[in-house]
């Protein structure tokens, strides 16, 4: 694979191409409409495309949170099939980090599906972001190819840009582990009832730990690592 270039999108053609990329990734028209991307970009927010030569292979959008929080919320990122799993997520996050720090932003937040193990590993173990909340059915019913037929629970994480990554806790610190399926996307296709069962189980366990004053301290092959 040739080097991937990340570019801010300041023209309408690039904005429409980004909207098309996100539609391709989620399998639904209007995933992130071009007019919304254009409005975010025009207002000074983060809207970028990932390019392999002239081909756009990914897109991402983030917007500023309240000024007092000096924070930016990363709402959506998509990489087309064939380019996933090649380290582009890390490259994009480092680009977001540099872009945010140049503008006086100290934290980036985002949400992800707690059942998606690869995202949990990347966000918590690789980037060292911290879980700040469990959001039940955050977006309501979603009819795209990725989320269709499931509730849209999300974990909210915060990434402190100027601090070292949160370390994976030592075994002596771990009180419990909350397991997740190896590949929930495949499980939804093969056994949606089992996938729904995982949703309820992980939701209940993580919320119970949070209610008891415990927190998610990391993620590894055992699942979410619960600490005090």
C-alpha atoms as a PDB file:
ATOM      1  CA  UNK A   1       0.000   0.000   0.000  1.00  0.00           C
ATOM      2  CA  UNK A   2       1.330   3.440  -0.897  1.00  0.00           C
ATOM      3  CA  UNK A   3       1.581   6.166   1.710  1.00  0.00           C
ATOM      4  CA  UNK A   4      -1.757   7.539   2.827  1.00  0.00           C
ATOM      5  CA  UNK A   5      -2.162  11.311   2.865  1.00  0.00           C
ATOM      6  CA  UNK A   6      -4.668  12.980   5.212  1.00  0.00           C
ATOM      7  CA  UNK A   7      -6.041  16.271   3.889  1.00  0.00           C
ATOM      8  CA  UNK A   8      -8.546  18.753   5.235  1.00  0.00           C
ATOM      9  CA  UNK A   9     -11.508  19.133   2.880  1.00  0.00           C
ATOM     10  CA  UNK A  10     -12.257  22.724   1.934  1.00  0.00           C
ATOM     11  CA  UNK A  11     -14.039  22.293  -1.388  1.00  0.00           C
ATOM     12  CA  UNK A  12     -17.482  20.977  -2.203  1.00  0.00           C
ATOM     13  CA  UNK A  13     -16.206  18.179  -4.439  1.00  0.00           C
ATOM     14  CA  UNK A  14     -14.117  16.761  -1.611  1.00  0.00           C
ATOM     15  CA  UNK A  15     -17.041  17.070   0.796  1.00  0.00           C
ATOM     16  CA  UNK A  16     -19.329  15.072  -1.518  1.00  0.00           C
ATOM     17  CA  UNK A  17     -16.636  12.448  -2.021  1.00  0.00           C
ATOM     18  CA  UNK A  18     -16.283  12.113   1.759  1.00  0.00           C
ATOM     19  CA  UNK A  19     -20.036  11.672   2.166  1.00  0.00           C
ATOM     20  CA  UNK A  20     -19.898   8.947  -0.493  1.00  0.00           C
ATOM     21  CA  UNK A  21     -17.053   7.163   1.289  1.00  0.00           C
ATOM     22  CA  UNK A  22     -19.003   7.117   4.551  1.00  0.00           C
ATOM     23  CA  UNK A  23     -22.086   5.798   2.738  1.00  0.00           C
ATOM     24  CA  UNK A  24     -19.944   2.997   1.295  1.00  0.00           C
ATOM     25  CA  UNK A  25     -18.564   2.039   4.710  1.00  0.00           C
ATOM     26  CA  UNK A  26     -21.949   2.019   6.461  1.00  0.00           C
ATOM     27  CA  UNK A  27     -23.925   0.643   3.519  1.00  0.00           C
ATOM     28  CA  UNK A  28     -26.571   3.354   3.621  1.00  0.00           C
ATOM     29  CA  UNK A  29     -27.201   6.627   1.809  1.00  0.00           C
ATOM     30  CA  UNK A  30     -27.110   9.725   3.971  1.00  0.00           C
ATOM     31  CA  UNK A  31     -24.826   8.296   6.673  1.00  0.00           C
ATOM     32  CA  UNK A  32     -23.274  11.761   7.067  1.00  0.00           C
ATOM     33  CA  UNK A  33     -24.906  14.088   4.524  1.00  0.00           C
ATOM     34  CA  UNK A  34     -22.672  16.359   2.469  1.00  0.00           C
ATOM     35  CA  UNK A  35     -24.511  19.469   3.639  1.00  0.00           C
ATOM     36  CA  UNK A  36     -23.741  18.626   7.287  1.00  0.00           C
ATOM     37  CA  UNK A  37     -20.087  17.929   6.498  1.00  0.00           C
ATOM     38  CA  UNK A  38     -19.912  21.210   4.599  1.00  0.00           C
ATOM     39  CA  UNK A  39     -21.459  23.134   7.490  1.00  0.00           C
ATOM     40  CA  UNK A  40     -19.029  21.574   9.972  1.00  0.00           C
ATOM     41  CA  UNK A  41     -16.044  22.362   7.758  1.00  0.00           C
ATOM     42  CA  UNK A  42     -17.197  25.919   7.066  1.00  0.00           C
ATOM     43  CA  UNK A  43     -17.579  26.562  10.809  1.00  0.00           C
ATOM     44  CA  UNK A  44     -13.933  25.572  11.356  1.00  0.00           C
ATOM     45  CA  UNK A  45     -14.351  21.999  12.527  1.00  0.00           C
ATOM     46  CA  UNK A  46     -12.306  18.931  11.616  1.00  0.00           C
ATOM     47  CA  UNK A  47     -13.352  17.380   8.281  1.00  0.00           C
ATOM     48  CA  UNK A  48     -10.705  15.335   6.456  1.00  0.00           C
ATOM     49  CA  UNK A  49     -10.254  12.741   3.764  1.00  0.00           C
ATOM     50  CA  UNK A  50      -7.685   9.947   3.651  1.00  0.00           C
ATOM     51  CA  UNK A  51      -6.148   9.590   0.203  1.00  0.00           C
ATOM     52  CA  UNK A  52      -4.223   6.876  -1.575  1.00  0.00           C
ATOM     53  CA  UNK A  53      -2.992   8.988  -4.449  1.00  0.00           C
ATOM     54  CA  UNK A  54      -6.096  10.602  -5.919  1.00  0.00           C
ATOM     55  CA  UNK A  55      -8.475   8.043  -4.428  1.00  0.00           C
ATOM     56  CA  UNK A  56     -10.247   8.932  -1.194  1.00  0.00           C
ATOM     57  CA  UNK A  57     -10.250   5.789   0.955  1.00  0.00           C
ATOM     58  CA  UNK A  58     -11.529   7.214   4.232  1.00  0.00           C
ATOM     59  CA  UNK A  59     -13.093  10.234   5.852  1.00  0.00           C
ATOM     60  CA  UNK A  60     -13.522  11.658   9.328  1.00  0.00           C
ATOM     61  CA  UNK A  61     -15.419  14.492  10.988  1.00  0.00           C
ATOM     62  CA  UNK A  62     -15.144  16.009  14.473  1.00  0.00           C
ATOM     63  CA  UNK A  63     -16.545  19.145  16.054  1.00  0.00           C
ATOM     64  CA  UNK A  64     -15.695  21.375  18.972  1.00  0.00           C
ATOM     65  CA  UNK A  65     -17.296  20.848  22.381  1.00  0.00           C
ATOM     66  CA  UNK A  66     -18.129  23.739  24.758  1.00  0.00           C
ATOM     67  CA  UNK A  67     -15.159  26.165  24.962  1.00  0.00           C
ATOM     68  CA  UNK A  68     -14.752  25.748  28.713  1.00  0.00           C
ATOM     69  CA  UNK A  69     -13.939  22.074  28.167  1.00  0.00           C
ATOM     70  CA  UNK A  70     -11.284  22.732  25.503  1.00  0.00           C
ATOM     71  CA  UNK A  71     -12.517  19.544  23.877  1.00  0.00           C
ATOM     72  CA  UNK A  72     -13.349  18.159  20.444  1.00  0.00           C
ATOM     73  CA  UNK A  73     -15.780  15.317  19.763  1.00  0.00           C
ATOM     74  CA  UNK A  74     -14.851  12.899  16.975  1.00  0.00           C
ATOM     75  CA  UNK A  75     -18.219  11.890  15.576  1.00  0.00           C
ATOM     76  CA  UNK A  76     -17.531   9.629  12.611  1.00  0.00           C
ATOM     77  CA  UNK A  77     -14.609   7.923  10.877  1.00  0.00           C
ATOM     78  CA  UNK A  78     -14.834   5.421   8.059  1.00  0.00           C
ATOM     79  CA  UNK A  79     -12.234   3.495   6.050  1.00  0.00           C
ATOM     80  CA  UNK A  80     -13.295   1.645   2.905  1.00  0.00           C
ATOM     81  CA  UNK A  81     -12.892  -2.155   2.706  1.00  0.00           C
ATOM     82  CA  UNK A  82      -9.419  -3.175   1.619  1.00  0.00           C
ATOM     83  CA  UNK A  83      -7.804  -0.417   3.673  1.00  0.00           C
ATOM     84  CA  UNK A  84      -9.102  -1.436   7.087  1.00  0.00           C
ATOM     85  CA  UNK A  85      -6.737  -3.063   9.561  1.00  0.00           C
ATOM     86  CA  UNK A  86      -3.645  -1.373   8.089  1.00  0.00           C
ATOM     87  CA  UNK A  87      -2.881   1.143  10.799  1.00  0.00           C
ATOM     88  CA  UNK A  88      -4.846   4.020   9.293  1.00  0.00           C
ATOM     89  CA  UNK A  89      -6.855   4.488  12.483  1.00  0.00           C
ATOM     90  CA  UNK A  90      -3.664   5.256  14.404  1.00  0.00           C
ATOM     91  CA  UNK A  91      -2.448   7.579  11.648  1.00  0.00           C
ATOM     92  CA  UNK A  92      -5.757   9.434  11.680  1.00  0.00           C
ATOM     93  CA  UNK A  93      -5.804   9.799  15.472  1.00  0.00           C
ATOM     94  CA  UNK A  94      -2.299  11.259  15.430  1.00  0.00           C
ATOM     95  CA  UNK A  95      -3.448  13.716  12.741  1.00  0.00           C
ATOM     96  CA  UNK A  96      -6.486  14.632  14.856  1.00  0.00           C
ATOM     97  CA  UNK A  97      -4.247  15.084  17.883  1.00  0.00           C
ATOM     98  CA  UNK A  98      -1.859  17.459  16.102  1.00  0.00           C
ATOM     99  CA  UNK A  99      -4.757  19.407  14.541  1.00  0.00           C
ATOM    100  CA  UNK A 100      -6.469  19.768  17.927  1.00  0.00           C
ATOM    101  CA  UNK A 101      -3.355  20.810  19.847  1.00  0.00           C
ATOM    102  CA  UNK A 102      -2.648  23.551  17.288  1.00  0.00           C
ATOM    103  CA  UNK A 103      -6.083  24.977  18.183  1.00  0.00           C
ATOM    104  CA  UNK A 104      -5.735  24.808  21.951  1.00  0.00           C
ATOM    105  CA  UNK A 105      -7.821  21.668  22.366  1.00  0.00           C
ATOM    106  CA  UNK A 106      -6.679  19.377  25.170  1.00  0.00           C
ATOM    107  CA  UNK A 107      -9.103  16.449  24.892  1.00  0.00           C
ATOM    108  CA  UNK A 108     -10.776  14.472  22.126  1.00  0.00           C
ATOM    109  CA  UNK A 109     -13.861  12.419  22.964  1.00  0.00           C
ATOM    110  CA  UNK A 110     -15.696   9.829  20.895  1.00  0.00           C
ATOM    111  CA  UNK A 111     -18.036   6.880  21.270  1.00  0.00           C
ATOM    112  CA  UNK A 112     -17.778   3.288  20.113  1.00  0.00           C
ATOM    113  CA  UNK A 113     -19.817   0.107  20.312  1.00  0.00           C
ATOM    114  CA  UNK A 114     -18.665  -1.734  23.465  1.00  0.00           C
ATOM    115  CA  UNK A 115     -19.153  -5.106  21.745  1.00  0.00           C
ATOM    116  CA  UNK A 116     -16.559  -4.402  19.035  1.00  0.00           C
ATOM    117  CA  UNK A 117     -13.399  -5.904  20.507  1.00  0.00           C
ATOM    118  CA  UNK A 118     -10.953  -4.468  17.971  1.00  0.00           C
ATOM    119  CA  UNK A 119     -12.177  -0.923  18.650  1.00  0.00           C
ATOM    120  CA  UNK A 120     -12.046  -1.436  22.413  1.00  0.00           C
ATOM    121  CA  UNK A 121      -8.455  -2.678  22.112  1.00  0.00           C
ATOM    122  CA  UNK A 122      -7.423   0.221  19.884  1.00  0.00           C
ATOM    123  CA  UNK A 123      -9.092   2.920  21.972  1.00  0.00           C
ATOM    124  CA  UNK A 124      -8.096   1.662  25.423  1.00  0.00           C
ATOM    125  CA  UNK A 125      -4.942  -0.431  24.977  1.00  0.00           C
ATOM    126  CA  UNK A 126      -3.278   1.329  22.028  1.00  0.00           C
ATOM    127  CA  UNK A 127      -4.309   4.979  22.471  1.00  0.00           C
ATOM    128  CA  UNK A 128      -4.796   4.771  26.229  1.00  0.00           C
ATOM    129  CA  UNK A 129      -8.100   6.672  26.223  1.00  0.00           C
ATOM    130  CA  UNK A 130     -10.272   6.540  29.340  1.00  0.00           C
ATOM    131  CA  UNK A 131     -13.897   5.378  29.526  1.00  0.00           C
ATOM    132  CA  UNK A 132     -16.087   8.171  30.912  1.00  0.00           C
ATOM    133  CA  UNK A 133     -19.648   6.894  30.417  1.00  0.00           C
ATOM    134  CA  UNK A 134     -21.884   4.055  29.240  1.00  0.00           C
ATOM    135  CA  UNK A 135     -24.627   5.362  26.935  1.00  0.00           C
ATOM    136  CA  UNK A 136     -27.644   3.084  26.499  1.00  0.00           C
ATOM    137  CA  UNK A 137     -29.104   3.048  22.963  1.00  0.00           C
ATOM    138  CA  UNK A 138     -27.414   6.392  22.350  1.00  0.00           C
ATOM    139  CA  UNK A 139     -28.601   6.907  18.760  1.00  0.00           C
ATOM    140  CA  UNK A 140     -31.832   4.924  18.915  1.00  0.00           C
ATOM    141  CA  UNK A 141     -32.620   2.515  16.086  1.00  0.00           C
ATOM    142  CA  UNK A 142     -30.069   2.653  13.281  1.00  0.00           C
ATOM    143  CA  UNK A 143     -30.839   1.151   9.890  1.00  0.00           C
ATOM    144  CA  UNK A 144     -27.364   1.038   8.341  1.00  0.00           C
ATOM    145  CA  UNK A 145     -25.686  -2.231   7.403  1.00  0.00           C
ATOM    146  CA  UNK A 146     -23.317  -2.081  10.388  1.00  0.00           C
ATOM    147  CA  UNK A 147     -25.867  -1.477  13.176  1.00  0.00           C
ATOM    148  CA  UNK A 148     -29.169  -2.772  11.797  1.00  0.00           C
ATOM    149  CA  UNK A 149     -31.122  -4.992  14.183  1.00  0.00           C
ATOM    150  CA  UNK A 150     -29.202  -4.017  17.315  1.00  0.00           C
ATOM    151  CA  UNK A 151     -29.476  -1.338  19.971  1.00  0.00           C
ATOM    152  CA  UNK A 152     -26.939   1.469  19.662  1.00  0.00           C
ATOM    153  CA  UNK A 153     -25.214   1.269  23.055  1.00  0.00           C
ATOM    154  CA  UNK A 154     -21.946   3.196  23.143  1.00  0.00           C
ATOM    155  CA  UNK A 155     -19.002   3.728  25.445  1.00  0.00           C
ATOM    156  CA  UNK A 156     -17.816   7.328  25.682  1.00  0.00           C
ATOM    157  CA  UNK A 157     -14.052   7.767  25.941  1.00  0.00           C
ATOM    158  CA  UNK A 158     -11.808  10.781  26.494  1.00  0.00           C
ATOM    159  CA  UNK A 159      -8.254  11.085  25.179  1.00  0.00           C
ATOM    160  CA  UNK A 160      -6.059  13.574  27.059  1.00  0.00           C
ATOM    161  CA  UNK A 161      -3.760  14.780  24.299  1.00  0.00           C
ATOM    162  CA  UNK A 162      -0.911  16.142  26.408  1.00  0.00           C
ATOM    163  CA  UNK A 163      -0.849  13.306  28.948  1.00  0.00           C
ATOM    164  CA  UNK A 164       0.757   9.858  28.682  1.00  0.00           C
ATOM    165  CA  UNK A 165      -1.644   7.073  27.693  1.00  0.00           C
ATOM    166  CA  UNK A 166      -3.533   5.396  30.505  1.00  0.00           C
ATOM    167  CA  UNK A 167      -1.541   2.203  31.235  1.00  0.00           C
ATOM    168  CA  UNK A 168      -3.091  -1.258  31.200  1.00  0.00           C
ATOM    169  CA  UNK A 169      -3.647  -2.175  34.847  1.00  0.00           C
ATOM    170  CA  UNK A 170      -1.504  -4.797  36.524  1.00  0.00           C
ATOM    171  CA  UNK A 171      -3.157  -8.118  37.332  1.00  0.00           C
ATOM    172  CA  UNK A 172      -3.182  -7.258  41.045  1.00  0.00           C
ATOM    173  CA  UNK A 173      -5.352  -4.204  40.319  1.00  0.00           C
ATOM    174  CA  UNK A 174      -7.976  -6.053  38.275  1.00  0.00           C
ATOM    175  CA  UNK A 175     -11.166  -6.879  40.161  1.00  0.00           C
ATOM    176  CA  UNK A 176     -13.058  -8.447  37.244  1.00  0.00           C
ATOM    177  CA  UNK A 177     -13.145  -8.737  33.462  1.00  0.00           C
ATOM    178  CA  UNK A 178     -16.176  -8.217  31.241  1.00  0.00           C
ATOM    179  CA  UNK A 179     -15.845 -10.428  28.164  1.00  0.00           C
ATOM    180  CA  UNK A 180     -17.071  -9.477  24.676  1.00  0.00           C
ATOM    181  CA  UNK A 181     -17.502 -11.631  21.546  1.00  0.00           C
ATOM    182  CA  UNK A 182     -14.504 -12.066  19.257  1.00  0.00           C
ATOM    183  CA  UNK A 183     -16.402 -10.726  16.217  1.00  0.00           C
ATOM    184  CA  UNK A 184     -19.810  -9.273  16.976  1.00  0.00           C
ATOM    185  CA  UNK A 185     -20.416  -8.260  13.349  1.00  0.00           C
ATOM    186  CA  UNK A 186     -20.133 -11.887  12.226  1.00  0.00           C
ATOM    187  CA  UNK A 187     -22.235 -13.027  15.185  1.00  0.00           C
ATOM    188  CA  UNK A 188     -25.034 -10.594  14.269  1.00  0.00           C
ATOM    189  CA  UNK A 189     -25.185 -12.217  10.837  1.00  0.00           C
ATOM    190  CA  UNK A 190     -24.996 -15.833  12.009  1.00  0.00           C
ATOM    191  CA  UNK A 191     -26.926 -15.685  15.295  1.00  0.00           C
ATOM    192  CA  UNK A 192     -28.661 -12.354  16.006  1.00  0.00           C
ATOM    193  CA  UNK A 193     -30.304 -13.752  19.155  1.00  0.00           C
ATOM    194  CA  UNK A 194     -26.901 -14.580  20.628  1.00  0.00           C
ATOM    195  CA  UNK A 195     -25.594 -11.146  19.637  1.00  0.00           C
ATOM    196  CA  UNK A 196     -28.548  -9.502  21.396  1.00  0.00           C
ATOM    197  CA  UNK A 197     -27.765 -11.572  24.463  1.00  0.00           C
ATOM    198  CA  UNK A 198     -24.204 -10.257  24.484  1.00  0.00           C
ATOM    199  CA  UNK A 199     -25.540  -6.707  24.257  1.00  0.00           C
ATOM    200  CA  UNK A 200     -27.644  -7.090  27.409  1.00  0.00           C
ATOM    201  CA  UNK A 201     -24.976  -9.003  29.315  1.00  0.00           C
ATOM    202  CA  UNK A 202     -22.169  -6.512  28.645  1.00  0.00           C
ATOM    203  CA  UNK A 203     -24.483  -3.548  29.285  1.00  0.00           C
ATOM    204  CA  UNK A 204     -25.624  -4.929  32.636  1.00  0.00           C
ATOM    205  CA  UNK A 205     -22.144  -5.900  33.821  1.00  0.00           C
ATOM    206  CA  UNK A 206     -20.455  -2.630  32.872  1.00  0.00           C
ATOM    207  CA  UNK A 207     -23.237  -0.501  34.315  1.00  0.00           C
ATOM    208  CA  UNK A 208     -23.266  -2.538  37.521  1.00  0.00           C
ATOM    209  CA  UNK A 209     -19.533  -2.024  37.978  1.00  0.00           C
ATOM    210  CA  UNK A 210     -19.861   1.717  37.339  1.00  0.00           C
ATOM    211  CA  UNK A 211     -22.739   1.978  39.826  1.00  0.00           C
ATOM    212  CA  UNK A 212     -20.521   0.288  42.431  1.00  0.00           C
ATOM    213  CA  UNK A 213     -17.799   2.902  41.996  1.00  0.00           C
ATOM    214  CA  UNK A 214     -15.535   0.757  39.832  1.00  0.00           C
ATOM    215  CA  UNK A 215     -14.267   1.775  36.417  1.00  0.00           C
ATOM    216  CA  UNK A 216     -12.906   0.352  33.187  1.00  0.00           C
ATOM    217  CA  UNK A 217      -9.136   0.456  33.507  1.00  0.00           C
ATOM    218  CA  UNK A 218      -8.207  -1.126  30.180  1.00  0.00           C
ATOM    219  CA  UNK A 219      -8.898  -3.901  27.697  1.00  0.00           C
ATOM    220  CA  UNK A 220      -7.115  -7.094  26.716  1.00  0.00           C
ATOM    221  CA  UNK A 221      -7.965 -10.619  25.507  1.00  0.00           C
ATOM    222  CA  UNK A 222     -10.048 -11.121  28.675  1.00  0.00           C
ATOM    223  CA  UNK A 223     -12.268  -8.141  27.843  1.00  0.00           C
ATOM    224  CA  UNK A 224     -12.831  -4.923  29.776  1.00  0.00           C
ATOM    225  CA  UNK A 225     -10.611  -4.815  32.854  1.00  0.00           C
ATOM    226  CA  UNK A 226     -12.435  -3.514  35.914  1.00  0.00           C
ATOM    227  CA  UNK A 227     -10.516  -1.632  38.604  1.00  0.00           C
ATOM    228  CA  UNK A 228     -11.279   0.702  41.502  1.00  0.00           C
END
